[in-house]
Amino acid sequence: MYEIYTANSRTEKRLKDHIKERQDILKKLQRLKLSPRTEIGAHPLHGKLSGKWSCWLGSNIRMIYSIDDNNRQIIVEAIGTHQVY
């Protein structure tokens, strides 16, 4: 099982804020810990973000992370929302 770490305090604060708003995110993060490459819509990114992964934490909440297989870590680098107007 992988462990989840945040890259910086800003990302950690955003993650905590989203968890407060939506309790189902904790369950999704638990699933991601088991298989960071296949669960909750995980997919590799391309271009400038090549080598990083992304997944959906909610209908409009996306998380970008990298995977360290040697230390079994998921490093959360960014969390953002996509709002459609």
Protein backbone atom coordinates (compact mmCIF):
# COMPACT_ATOMS: atom_id res chain seq x y z
CA MET A 1 0.00 0.00 0.00
CA TYR A 2 1.21 3.47 -0.90
CA GLU A 3 1.24 6.47 1.44
CA ILE A 4 -0.02 9.90 0.41
CA TYR A 5 2.16 12.97 0.91
CA THR A 6 1.70 16.56 -0.23
CA ALA A 7 4.36 18.50 -2.08
CA ASN A 8 3.75 21.75 -0.18
CA SER A 9 1.57 23.34 2.49
CA ARG A 10 -0.71 25.06 -0.03
CA THR A 11 -1.62 21.73 -1.62
CA GLU A 12 -2.11 20.18 1.81
CA LYS A 13 -4.54 22.97 2.78
CA ARG A 14 -6.53 22.56 -0.43
CA LEU A 15 -6.74 18.80 0.06
CA LYS A 16 -7.98 19.22 3.63
CA ASP A 17 -10.55 21.81 2.52
CA HIS A 18 -11.94 19.45 -0.13
CA ILE A 19 -12.08 16.58 2.36
CA LYS A 20 -14.10 18.78 4.75
CA GLU A 21 -16.57 19.57 1.97
CA ARG A 22 -16.92 16.01 0.67
CA GLN A 23 -16.52 12.97 2.90
CA ASP A 24 -16.41 10.57 -0.08
CA ILE A 25 -12.94 11.86 -1.01
CA LEU A 26 -11.38 9.92 1.89
CA LYS A 27 -12.72 6.65 0.46
CA LYS A 28 -11.37 7.54 -2.97
CA LEU A 29 -7.93 8.30 -1.53
CA GLN A 30 -7.94 4.91 0.23
CA ARG A 31 -8.65 3.22 -3.10
CA LEU A 32 -5.87 5.25 -4.74
CA LYS A 33 -3.40 4.05 -2.08
CA LEU A 34 -4.04 0.46 -3.17
CA SER A 35 -3.48 1.06 -6.86
CA PRO A 36 -2.37 4.57 -7.87
CA ARG A 37 -2.27 3.74 -11.58
CA THR A 38 -5.72 2.22 -12.03
CA GLU A 39 -8.18 3.46 -9.39
CA ILE A 40 -10.58 6.44 -9.57
CA GLY A 41 -9.86 7.24 -13.19
CA ALA A 42 -6.09 7.55 -12.80
CA HIS A 43 -4.25 8.27 -16.03
CA PRO A 44 -0.76 9.44 -17.03
CA LEU A 45 -0.31 13.00 -18.24
CA HIS A 46 1.56 14.09 -21.36
CA GLY A 47 3.50 17.09 -22.59
CA LYS A 48 4.89 19.42 -19.93
CA LEU A 49 3.42 17.19 -17.22
CA SER A 50 4.85 13.97 -18.60
CA GLY A 51 5.69 11.55 -15.80
CA LYS A 52 2.87 12.79 -13.59
CA TRP A 53 -0.56 11.26 -13.02
CA SER A 54 -4.04 12.68 -12.61
CA CYS A 55 -7.33 11.43 -11.20
CA TRP A 56 -10.79 12.72 -10.35
CA LEU A 57 -11.66 13.19 -6.68
CA GLY A 58 -15.10 14.50 -7.52
CA SER A 59 -17.16 15.67 -10.44
CA ASN A 60 -15.08 18.84 -10.74
CA ILE A 61 -12.06 18.16 -8.49
CA ARG A 62 -8.88 16.91 -10.13
CA MET A 63 -5.64 15.86 -8.40
CA ILE A 64 -2.20 15.79 -10.04
CA TYR A 65 0.40 13.56 -8.42
CA SER A 66 3.60 11.65 -8.98
CA ILE A 67 4.32 8.09 -7.92
CA ASP A 68 7.50 6.99 -6.13
CA ASP A 69 7.55 3.19 -6.43
CA ASN A 70 10.79 2.77 -4.46
CA ASN A 71 9.39 4.42 -1.33
CA ARG A 72 5.75 3.51 -2.10
CA GLN A 73 4.65 7.15 -2.00
CA ILE A 74 2.03 9.19 -3.81
CA ILE A 75 3.14 12.83 -3.85
CA VAL A 76 0.20 15.19 -4.39
CA GLU A 77 1.47 18.17 -6.37
CA ALA A 78 -1.74 20.04 -7.18
CA ILE A 79 -5.48 19.96 -6.60
CA GLY A 80 -7.88 22.09 -8.51
CA THR A 81 -11.46 22.50 -9.49
CA HIS A 82 -12.90 22.97 -12.93
CA GLN A 83 -16.00 25.12 -12.96
CA VAL A 84 -18.24 25.25 -15.99
CA TYR A 85 -20.21 28.46 -16.37
